[in-house]
Amino acid sequence: MTPEERQNALQSTARMCNNEIKTTLAALPANTNKDSITRPIILRHYEKLKPLGYKLAWLLFAIGVLNGQFKWNR
């Protein structure tokens, strides 16, 4: 797998995870513990990236980039 394909897999998984988190949180009351909801979702999506050699931090970083929290300088 080329580096570009690995990066595309990371970004695609982060996008799917981010969408699932947002839709799940939108359906819940505001005072719900977000960590107990988002953690299983993130870990489930991370299982797809584990065979590619990515660490959990990379998935979290990619989600942060999607949400505008971080900037990805390539």
PDB file of N, CA and C in Angstrom:
ATOM      1  N   MET A   1       0.853  -1.170   0.000  1.00  0.00           N
ATOM      2  CA  MET A   1       0.000   0.000   0.000  1.00  0.00           C
ATOM      3  C   MET A   1       0.901   1.236   0.000  1.00  0.00           C
ATOM      4  N   THR A   2       0.613   2.160  -0.900  1.00  0.00           N
ATOM      5  CA  THR A   2       1.433   3.362  -0.996  1.00  0.00           C
ATOM      6  C   THR A   2       1.106   4.321   0.151  1.00  0.00           C
ATOM      7  N   PRO A   3       2.011   5.260   0.424  1.00  0.00           N
ATOM      8  CA  PRO A   3       1.730   6.238   1.488  1.00  0.00           C
ATOM      9  C   PRO A   3       0.463   7.057   1.229  1.00  0.00           C
ATOM     10  N   GLU A   4       0.193   7.352  -0.040  1.00  0.00           N
ATOM     11  CA  GLU A   4      -1.014   8.110  -0.371  1.00  0.00           C
ATOM     12  C   GLU A   4      -2.270   7.303  -0.062  1.00  0.00           C
ATOM     13  N   GLU A   5      -2.231   6.011  -0.344  1.00  0.00           N
ATOM     14  CA  GLU A   5      -3.380   5.150  -0.052  1.00  0.00           C
ATOM     15  C   GLU A   5      -3.599   5.024   1.451  1.00  0.00           C
ATOM     16  N   ARG A   6      -2.503   4.942   2.204  1.00  0.00           N
ATOM     17  CA  ARG A   6      -2.618   4.872   3.668  1.00  0.00           C
ATOM     18  C   ARG A   6      -3.229   6.162   4.209  1.00  0.00           C
ATOM     19  N   GLN A   7      -2.777   7.303   3.682  1.00  0.00           N
ATOM     20  CA  GLN A   7      -3.310   8.586   4.135  1.00  0.00           C
ATOM     21  C   GLN A   7      -4.779   8.731   3.747  1.00  0.00           C
ATOM     22  N   ASN A   8      -5.138   8.277   2.561  1.00  0.00           N
ATOM     23  CA  ASN A   8      -6.543   8.317   2.144  1.00  0.00           C
ATOM     24  C   ASN A   8      -7.404   7.447   3.047  1.00  0.00           C
ATOM     25  N   ALA A   9      -6.883   6.290   3.439  1.00  0.00           N
ATOM     26  CA  ALA A   9      -7.622   5.410   4.348  1.00  0.00           C
ATOM     27  C   ALA A   9      -7.815   6.084   5.701  1.00  0.00           C
ATOM     28  N   LEU A  10      -6.783   6.762   6.186  1.00  0.00           N
ATOM     29  CA  LEU A  10      -6.881   7.480   7.460  1.00  0.00           C
ATOM     30  C   LEU A  10      -7.931   8.578   7.379  1.00  0.00           C
ATOM     31  N   GLN A  11      -7.877   9.387   6.331  1.00  0.00           N
ATOM     32  CA  GLN A  11      -8.816  10.494   6.196  1.00  0.00           C
ATOM     33  C   GLN A  11     -10.242   9.994   5.997  1.00  0.00           C
ATOM     34  N   SER A  12     -10.415   8.938   5.240  1.00  0.00           N
ATOM     35  CA  SER A  12     -11.747   8.384   5.017  1.00  0.00           C
ATOM     36  C   SER A  12     -12.332   7.835   6.313  1.00  0.00           C
ATOM     37  N   THR A  13     -11.525   7.114   7.066  1.00  0.00           N
ATOM     38  CA  THR A  13     -11.990   6.566   8.339  1.00  0.00           C
ATOM     39  C   THR A  13     -12.299   7.685   9.320  1.00  0.00           C
ATOM     40  N   ALA A  14     -11.458   8.713   9.349  1.00  0.00           N
ATOM     41  CA  ALA A  14     -11.701   9.850  10.239  1.00  0.00           C
ATOM     42  C   ALA A  14     -13.000  10.555   9.866  1.00  0.00           C
ATOM     43  N   ARG A  15     -13.269  10.682   8.576  1.00  0.00           N
ATOM     44  CA  ARG A  15     -14.501  11.327   8.115  1.00  0.00           C
ATOM     45  C   ARG A  15     -15.731  10.523   8.539  1.00  0.00           C
ATOM     46  N   MET A  16     -15.671   9.204   8.365  1.00  0.00           N
ATOM     47  CA  MET A  16     -16.795   8.352   8.765  1.00  0.00           C
ATOM     48  C   MET A  16     -17.005   8.400  10.276  1.00  0.00           C
ATOM     49  N   CYS A  17     -15.917   8.358  11.022  1.00  0.00           N
ATOM     50  CA  CYS A  17     -15.996   8.402  12.479  1.00  0.00           C
ATOM     51  C   CYS A  17     -16.570   9.735  12.942  1.00  0.00           C
ATOM     52  N   ASN A  18     -16.103  10.817  12.354  1.00  0.00           N
ATOM     53  CA  ASN A  18     -16.572  12.150  12.716  1.00  0.00           C
ATOM     54  C   ASN A  18     -18.067  12.295  12.436  1.00  0.00           C
ATOM     55  N   ASN A  19     -18.513  11.800  11.292  1.00  0.00           N
ATOM     56  CA  ASN A  19     -19.941  11.872  10.956  1.00  0.00           C
ATOM     57  C   ASN A  19     -20.782  11.063  11.934  1.00  0.00           C
ATOM     58  N   GLU A  20     -20.301   9.884  12.291  1.00  0.00           N
ATOM     59  CA  GLU A  20     -21.045   9.050  13.231  1.00  0.00           C
ATOM     60  C   GLU A  20     -21.116   9.705  14.611  1.00  0.00           C
ATOM     61  N   ILE A  21     -20.021  10.305  15.039  1.00  0.00           N
ATOM     62  CA  ILE A  21     -20.006  10.992  16.339  1.00  0.00           C
ATOM     63  C   ILE A  21     -20.989  12.153  16.333  1.00  0.00           C
ATOM     64  N   LYS A  22     -20.962  12.953  15.273  1.00  0.00           N
ATOM     65  CA  LYS A  22     -21.842  14.124  15.208  1.00  0.00           C
ATOM     66  C   LYS A  22     -23.315  13.735  15.183  1.00  0.00           C
ATOM     67  N   THR A  23     -23.663  12.706  14.418  1.00  0.00           N
ATOM     68  CA  THR A  23     -25.069  12.302  14.365  1.00  0.00           C
ATOM     69  C   THR A  23     -25.520  11.694  15.685  1.00  0.00           C
ATOM     70  N   THR A  24     -24.632  10.951  16.331  1.00  0.00           N
ATOM     71  CA  THR A  24     -24.979  10.351  17.623  1.00  0.00           C
ATOM     72  C   THR A  24     -25.171  11.425  18.684  1.00  0.00           C
ATOM     73  N   LEU A  25     -24.269  12.393  18.730  1.00  0.00           N
ATOM     74  CA  LEU A  25     -24.365  13.444  19.743  1.00  0.00           C
ATOM     75  C   LEU A  25     -25.555  14.372  19.491  1.00  0.00           C
ATOM     76  N   ALA A  26     -25.919  14.559  18.229  1.00  0.00           N
ATOM     77  CA  ALA A  26     -27.057  15.426  17.916  1.00  0.00           C
ATOM     78  C   ALA A  26     -28.368  14.829  18.426  1.00  0.00           C
ATOM     79  N   ALA A  27     -28.421  13.517  18.526  1.00  0.00           N
ATOM     80  CA  ALA A  27     -29.649  12.853  18.961  1.00  0.00           C
ATOM     81  C   ALA A  27     -29.761  12.755  20.481  1.00  0.00           C
ATOM     82  N   LEU A  28     -28.720  13.161  21.197  1.00  0.00           N
ATOM     83  CA  LEU A  28     -28.705  13.032  22.658  1.00  0.00           C
ATOM     84  C   LEU A  28     -28.901  14.383  23.335  1.00  0.00           C
ATOM     85  N   PRO A  29     -29.354  14.393  24.583  1.00  0.00           N
ATOM     86  CA  PRO A  29     -29.458  15.652  25.324  1.00  0.00           C
ATOM     87  C   PRO A  29     -28.075  16.276  25.543  1.00  0.00           C
ATOM     88  N   ALA A  30     -28.056  17.575  25.757  1.00  0.00           N
ATOM     89  CA  ALA A  30     -26.795  18.310  25.869  1.00  0.00           C
ATOM     90  C   ALA A  30     -25.986  17.915  27.098  1.00  0.00           C
ATOM     91  N   ASN A  31     -26.637  17.477  28.164  1.00  0.00           N
ATOM     92  CA  ASN A  31     -25.904  17.185  29.392  1.00  0.00           C
ATOM     93  C   ASN A  31     -25.392  15.746  29.462  1.00  0.00           C
ATOM     94  N   THR A  32     -25.420  15.017  28.370  1.00  0.00           N
ATOM     95  CA  THR A  32     -24.943  13.636  28.328  1.00  0.00           C
ATOM     96  C   THR A  32     -23.416  13.613  28.379  1.00  0.00           C
ATOM     97  N   ASN A  33     -22.860  12.612  29.047  1.00  0.00           N
ATOM     98  CA  ASN A  33     -21.407  12.441  29.100  1.00  0.00           C
ATOM     99  C   ASN A  33     -20.905  12.045  27.710  1.00  0.00           C
ATOM    100  N   LYS A  34     -20.225  12.962  27.051  1.00  0.00           N
ATOM    101  CA  LYS A  34     -19.804  12.746  25.671  1.00  0.00           C
ATOM    102  C   LYS A  34     -18.701  11.695  25.552  1.00  0.00           C
ATOM    103  N   ASP A  35     -17.849  11.597  26.564  1.00  0.00           N
ATOM    104  CA  ASP A  35     -16.754  10.636  26.498  1.00  0.00           C
ATOM    105  C   ASP A  35     -17.268   9.201  26.458  1.00  0.00           C
ATOM    106  N   SER A  36     -18.295   8.916  27.219  1.00  0.00           N
ATOM    107  CA  SER A  36     -18.824   7.548  27.234  1.00  0.00           C
ATOM    108  C   SER A  36     -19.515   7.193  25.918  1.00  0.00           C
ATOM    109  N   ILE A  37     -19.900   8.188  25.147  1.00  0.00           N
ATOM    110  CA  ILE A  37     -20.544   7.960  23.850  1.00  0.00           C
ATOM    111  C   ILE A  37     -19.499   7.880  22.735  1.00  0.00           C
ATOM    112  N   THR A  38     -18.547   8.808  22.726  1.00  0.00           N
ATOM    113  CA  THR A  38     -17.609   8.903  21.611  1.00  0.00           C
ATOM    114  C   THR A  38     -16.488   7.873  21.666  1.00  0.00           C
ATOM    115  N   ARG A  39     -16.067   7.499  22.860  1.00  0.00           N
ATOM    116  CA  ARG A  39     -14.938   6.569  22.981  1.00  0.00           C
ATOM    117  C   ARG A  39     -15.180   5.238  22.260  1.00  0.00           C
ATOM    118  N   PRO A  40     -16.323   4.574  22.450  1.00  0.00           N
ATOM    119  CA  PRO A  40     -16.538   3.311  21.715  1.00  0.00           C
ATOM    120  C   PRO A  40     -16.592   3.503  20.197  1.00  0.00           C
ATOM    121  N   ILE A  41     -17.118   4.631  19.751  1.00  0.00           N
ATOM    122  CA  ILE A  41     -17.186   4.901  18.310  1.00  0.00           C
ATOM    123  C   ILE A  41     -15.779   5.047  17.746  1.00  0.00           C
ATOM    124  N   ILE A  42     -14.950   5.829  18.426  1.00  0.00           N
ATOM    125  CA  ILE A  42     -13.577   6.051  17.966  1.00  0.00           C
ATOM    126  C   ILE A  42     -12.797   4.743  17.963  1.00  0.00           C
ATOM    127  N   LEU A  43     -12.926   3.964  19.018  1.00  0.00           N
ATOM    128  CA  LEU A  43     -12.187   2.699  19.092  1.00  0.00           C
ATOM    129  C   LEU A  43     -12.648   1.712  18.020  1.00  0.00           C
ATOM    130  N   ARG A  44     -13.930   1.728  17.694  1.00  0.00           N
ATOM    131  CA  ARG A  44     -14.443   0.841  16.644  1.00  0.00           C
ATOM    132  C   ARG A  44     -13.844   1.213  15.287  1.00  0.00           C
ATOM    133  N   HIS A  45     -13.765   2.509  15.008  1.00  0.00           N
ATOM    134  CA  HIS A  45     -13.187   2.941  13.735  1.00  0.00           C
ATOM    135  C   HIS A  45     -11.669   2.756  13.719  1.00  0.00           C
ATOM    136  N   TYR A  46     -11.037   2.852  14.887  1.00  0.00           N
ATOM    137  CA  TYR A  46      -9.591   2.660  14.960  1.00  0.00           C
ATOM    138  C   TYR A  46      -9.199   1.233  14.590  1.00  0.00           C
ATOM    139  N   GLU A  47     -10.065   0.274  14.864  1.00  0.00           N
ATOM    140  CA  GLU A  47      -9.763  -1.117  14.528  1.00  0.00           C
ATOM    141  C   GLU A  47      -9.522  -1.295  13.027  1.00  0.00           C
ATOM    142  N   LYS A  48     -10.108  -0.422  12.202  1.00  0.00           N
ATOM    143  CA  LYS A  48      -9.887  -0.488  10.754  1.00  0.00           C
ATOM    144  C   LYS A  48      -8.485  -0.008  10.387  1.00  0.00           C
ATOM    145  N   LEU A  49      -7.928   0.911  11.189  1.00  0.00           N
ATOM    146  CA  LEU A  49      -6.624   1.496  10.882  1.00  0.00           C
ATOM    147  C   LEU A  49      -5.467   0.749  11.527  1.00  0.00           C
ATOM    148  N   LYS A  50      -5.752  -0.024  12.529  1.00  0.00           N
ATOM    149  CA  LYS A  50      -4.700  -0.738  13.261  1.00  0.00           C
ATOM    150  C   LYS A  50      -3.837  -1.607  12.343  1.00  0.00           C
ATOM    151  N   PRO A  51      -4.416  -2.374  11.400  1.00  0.00           N
ATOM    152  CA  PRO A  51      -3.572  -3.199  10.515  1.00  0.00           C
ATOM    153  C   PRO A  51      -2.663  -2.377   9.598  1.00  0.00           C
ATOM    154  N   LEU A  52      -2.985  -1.107   9.396  1.00  0.00           N
ATOM    155  CA  LEU A  52      -2.160  -0.254   8.538  1.00  0.00           C
ATOM    156  C   LEU A  52      -0.985   0.354   9.292  1.00  0.00           C
ATOM    157  N   GLY A  53      -0.907   0.115  10.592  1.00  0.00           N
ATOM    158  CA  GLY A  53       0.216   0.617  11.379  1.00  0.00           C
ATOM    159  C   GLY A  53      -0.011   1.976  12.002  1.00  0.00           C
ATOM    160  N   TYR A  54      -1.230   2.484  11.955  1.00  0.00           N
ATOM    161  CA  TYR A  54      -1.523   3.784  12.562  1.00  0.00           C
ATOM    162  C   TYR A  54      -1.760   3.639  14.059  1.00  0.00           C
ATOM    163  N   LYS A  55      -1.356   4.653  14.792  1.00  0.00           N
ATOM    164  CA  LYS A  55      -1.647   4.739  16.221  1.00  0.00           C
ATOM    165  C   LYS A  55      -2.983   5.465  16.385  1.00  0.00           C
ATOM    166  N   LEU A  56      -3.588   5.298  17.546  1.00  0.00           N
ATOM    167  CA  LEU A  56      -4.868   5.945  17.836  1.00  0.00           C
ATOM    168  C   LEU A  56      -4.751   7.464  17.732  1.00  0.00           C
ATOM    169  N   ALA A  57      -3.599   7.994  18.102  1.00  0.00           N
ATOM    170  CA  ALA A  57      -3.391   9.442  18.058  1.00  0.00           C
ATOM    171  C   ALA A  57      -3.554   9.997  16.642  1.00  0.00           C
ATOM    172  N   TRP A  58      -3.182   9.219  15.632  1.00  0.00           N
ATOM    173  CA  TRP A  58      -3.332   9.688  14.253  1.00  0.00           C
ATOM    174  C   TRP A  58      -4.800   9.845  13.874  1.00  0.00           C
ATOM    175  N   LEU A  59      -5.632   8.925  14.324  1.00  0.00           N
ATOM    176  CA  LEU A  59      -7.069   9.045  14.051  1.00  0.00           C
ATOM    177  C   LEU A  59      -7.633  10.267  14.761  1.00  0.00           C
ATOM    178  N   LEU A  60      -7.254  10.456  16.011  1.00  0.00           N
ATOM    179  CA  LEU A  60      -7.734  11.619  16.759  1.00  0.00           C
ATOM    180  C   LEU A  60      -7.261  12.915  16.113  1.00  0.00           C
ATOM    181  N   PHE A  61      -6.017  12.938  15.641  1.00  0.00           N
ATOM    182  CA  PHE A  61      -5.485  14.116  14.963  1.00  0.00           C
ATOM    183  C   PHE A  61      -6.253  14.393  13.670  1.00  0.00           C
ATOM    184  N   ALA A  62      -6.522  13.347  12.886  1.00  0.00           N
ATOM    185  CA  ALA A  62      -7.243  13.523  11.619  1.00  0.00           C
ATOM    186  C   ALA A  62      -8.658  14.041  11.862  1.00  0.00           C
ATOM    187  N   ILE A  63      -9.303  13.583  12.930  1.00  0.00           N
ATOM    188  CA  ILE A  63     -10.630  14.098  13.278  1.00  0.00           C
ATOM    189  C   ILE A  63     -10.521  15.565  13.684  1.00  0.00           C
ATOM    190  N   GLY A  64      -9.477  15.907  14.418  1.00  0.00           N
ATOM    191  CA  GLY A  64      -9.252  17.300  14.801  1.00  0.00           C
ATOM    192  C   GLY A  64      -9.020  18.198  13.598  1.00  0.00           C
ATOM    193  N   VAL A  65      -8.330  17.687  12.593  1.00  0.00           N
ATOM    194  CA  VAL A  65      -8.119  18.453  11.362  1.00  0.00           C
ATOM    195  C   VAL A  65      -9.454  18.696  10.666  1.00  0.00           C
ATOM    196  N   LEU A  66     -10.296  17.677  10.602  1.00  0.00           N
ATOM    197  CA  LEU A  66     -11.615  17.825   9.974  1.00  0.00           C
ATOM    198  C   LEU A  66     -12.457  18.883  10.678  1.00  0.00           C
ATOM    199  N   ASN A  67     -12.322  18.962  11.999  1.00  0.00           N
ATOM    200  CA  ASN A  67     -13.114  19.909  12.780  1.00  0.00           C
ATOM    201  C   ASN A  67     -12.454  21.276  12.916  1.00  0.00           C
ATOM    202  N   GLY A  68     -11.296  21.464  12.293  1.00  0.00           N
ATOM    203  CA  GLY A  68     -10.631  22.755  12.318  1.00  0.00           C
ATOM    204  C   GLY A  68      -9.825  23.028  13.574  1.00  0.00           C
ATOM    205  N   GLN A  69      -9.573  22.022  14.381  1.00  0.00           N
ATOM    206  CA  GLN A  69      -8.798  22.203  15.606  1.00  0.00           C
ATOM    207  C   GLN A  69      -7.301  22.199  15.330  1.00  0.00           C
ATOM    208  N   PHE A  70      -6.888  21.471  14.307  1.00  0.00           N
ATOM    209  CA  PHE A  70      -5.481  21.359  13.937  1.00  0.00           C
ATOM    210  C   PHE A  70      -5.336  21.657  12.459  1.00  0.00           C
ATOM    211  N   LYS A  71      -4.105  21.967  12.051  1.00  0.00           N
ATOM    212  CA  LYS A  71      -3.808  22.210  10.650  1.00  0.00           C
ATOM    213  C   LYS A  71      -2.813  21.157  10.192  1.00  0.00           C
ATOM    214  N   TRP A  72      -3.063  20.556   9.043  1.00  0.00           N
ATOM    215  CA  TRP A  72      -2.223  19.490   8.520  1.00  0.00           C
ATOM    216  C   TRP A  72      -1.281  20.094   7.487  1.00  0.00           C
ATOM    217  N   ASN A  73      -0.020  20.297   7.862  1.00  0.00           N
ATOM    218  CA  ASN A  73       0.985  20.812   6.931  1.00  0.00           C
ATOM    219  C   ASN A  73       1.694  19.640   6.283  1.00  0.00           C
ATOM    220  N   ARG A  74       1.492  19.487   5.001  1.00  0.00           N
ATOM    221  CA  ARG A  74       2.110  18.349   4.293  1.00  0.00           C
ATOM    222  C   ARG A  74       3.337  18.779   3.575  1.00  0.00           C
TER     223      ARG A  74
END
